[in-house]
């Protein structure tokens, strides 16, 4: 029986892609919750929008809800995301794929 290198590489790519997507969604959800809290909005209502809104639509909806400039909301989002990424890395580990050299 021979080792299936192609199959192993495909499984590795699928695993790492799933790990990255999971990490990014968790980061997006935590960021949305933190931004909602900072703006005084209902956190659950903002989290519920994640399924139907892409990033730009999310920023536009938050700006419309608060009457703030979308650029201000975007900056708040980036600040919250930057603060939450190290916390999530500490909890789940670094999602960066391991290169096979």
Protein backbone atom coordinates (compact mmCIF):
# COMPACT_ATOMS: atom_id res chain seq x y z
CA UNK A 1 0.00 0.00 0.00
CA UNK A 2 1.42 3.36 -1.06
CA UNK A 3 1.08 6.65 0.78
CA UNK A 4 -1.40 8.93 -0.98
CA UNK A 5 0.39 12.29 -0.91
CA UNK A 6 -2.26 14.00 -3.04
CA UNK A 7 -5.02 12.86 -0.68
CA UNK A 8 -3.05 13.95 2.36
CA UNK A 9 -2.48 17.40 0.89
CA UNK A 10 -6.16 17.77 0.00
CA UNK A 11 -7.20 16.78 3.54
CA UNK A 12 -4.64 19.22 4.96
CA UNK A 13 -5.98 22.04 2.78
CA UNK A 14 -9.58 21.27 3.74
CA UNK A 15 -8.73 21.14 7.44
CA UNK A 16 -6.78 24.39 7.39
CA UNK A 17 -9.44 26.18 5.35
CA UNK A 18 -12.14 25.09 7.80
CA UNK A 19 -9.97 26.21 10.72
CA UNK A 20 -9.42 29.64 9.15
CA UNK A 21 -13.11 30.11 8.32
CA UNK A 22 -14.13 29.14 11.84
CA UNK A 23 -11.61 31.55 13.35
CA UNK A 24 -12.69 34.42 11.10
CA UNK A 25 -16.38 33.89 11.86
CA UNK A 26 -15.74 33.76 15.60
CA UNK A 27 -13.70 36.96 15.33
CA UNK A 28 -16.44 38.63 13.30
CA UNK A 29 -19.12 37.64 15.81
CA UNK A 30 -17.11 38.84 18.81
CA UNK A 31 -16.26 42.07 17.03
CA UNK A 32 -19.91 42.70 16.16
CA UNK A 33 -20.88 42.09 19.78
CA UNK A 34 -18.17 44.46 21.06
CA UNK A 35 -19.10 47.19 18.58
CA UNK A 36 -22.79 46.85 19.48
CA UNK A 37 -21.92 47.15 23.17
CA UNK A 38 -19.74 50.21 22.53
CA UNK A 39 -22.55 51.86 20.56
CA UNK A 40 -25.24 50.95 23.09
CA UNK A 41 -27.15 48.70 20.67
CA UNK A 42 -28.88 45.39 21.33
CA UNK A 43 -26.06 42.87 20.95
CA UNK A 44 -28.29 39.96 19.95
CA UNK A 45 -29.96 41.98 17.18
CA UNK A 46 -26.54 42.89 15.79
CA UNK A 47 -25.33 39.28 16.01
CA UNK A 48 -28.45 38.11 14.16
CA UNK A 49 -27.50 40.31 11.22
CA UNK A 50 -24.23 38.44 10.69
CA UNK A 51 -26.00 35.71 8.73
CA UNK A 52 -27.55 38.10 6.23
CA UNK A 53 -25.12 41.02 6.00
CA UNK A 54 -21.65 41.15 4.54
CA UNK A 55 -19.10 43.47 6.15
CA UNK A 56 -20.03 46.60 4.19
CA UNK A 57 -23.75 46.07 4.75
CA UNK A 58 -23.08 45.49 8.44
CA UNK A 59 -21.21 48.79 8.74
CA UNK A 60 -23.95 50.61 6.83
CA UNK A 61 -26.68 49.09 9.03
CA UNK A 62 -24.84 50.03 12.23
CA UNK A 63 -24.33 53.56 10.92
CA UNK A 64 -28.02 53.83 10.07
CA UNK A 65 -29.03 52.48 13.51
CA UNK A 66 -26.88 54.99 15.36
CA UNK A 67 -26.94 57.98 13.01
CA UNK A 68 -23.14 57.95 12.94
CA UNK A 69 -20.77 58.26 10.03
CA UNK A 70 -19.95 54.86 8.47
CA UNK A 71 -16.24 55.74 8.64
CA UNK A 72 -16.57 56.13 12.43
CA UNK A 73 -18.27 52.73 12.68
CA UNK A 74 -15.55 51.18 10.49
CA UNK A 75 -12.81 52.57 12.72
CA UNK A 76 -14.56 51.26 15.83
CA UNK A 77 -14.87 47.87 14.14
CA UNK A 78 -11.15 47.77 13.34
CA UNK A 79 -10.19 48.79 16.88
CA UNK A 80 -12.42 46.15 18.42
CA UNK A 81 -11.18 43.50 15.98
CA UNK A 82 -7.55 44.36 16.69
CA UNK A 83 -8.14 43.99 20.41
CA UNK A 84 -10.07 40.73 20.11
CA UNK A 85 -7.79 38.89 17.68
CA UNK A 86 -5.01 38.21 20.27
CA UNK A 87 -7.62 37.03 22.77
CA UNK A 88 -9.06 34.57 20.26
CA UNK A 89 -5.58 33.39 19.25
CA UNK A 90 -4.84 32.74 22.93
CA UNK A 91 -8.05 30.72 23.28
CA UNK A 92 -8.00 28.74 20.03
CA UNK A 93 -4.41 28.93 18.87
CA UNK A 94 -3.03 30.61 15.80
CA UNK A 95 -5.11 29.65 12.74
CA UNK A 96 -2.25 30.32 10.34
CA UNK A 97 -1.68 27.25 8.16
CA UNK A 98 1.45 25.23 8.81
CA UNK A 99 3.61 25.17 5.72
CA UNK A 100 5.09 21.94 4.54
CA UNK A 101 8.62 22.93 3.60
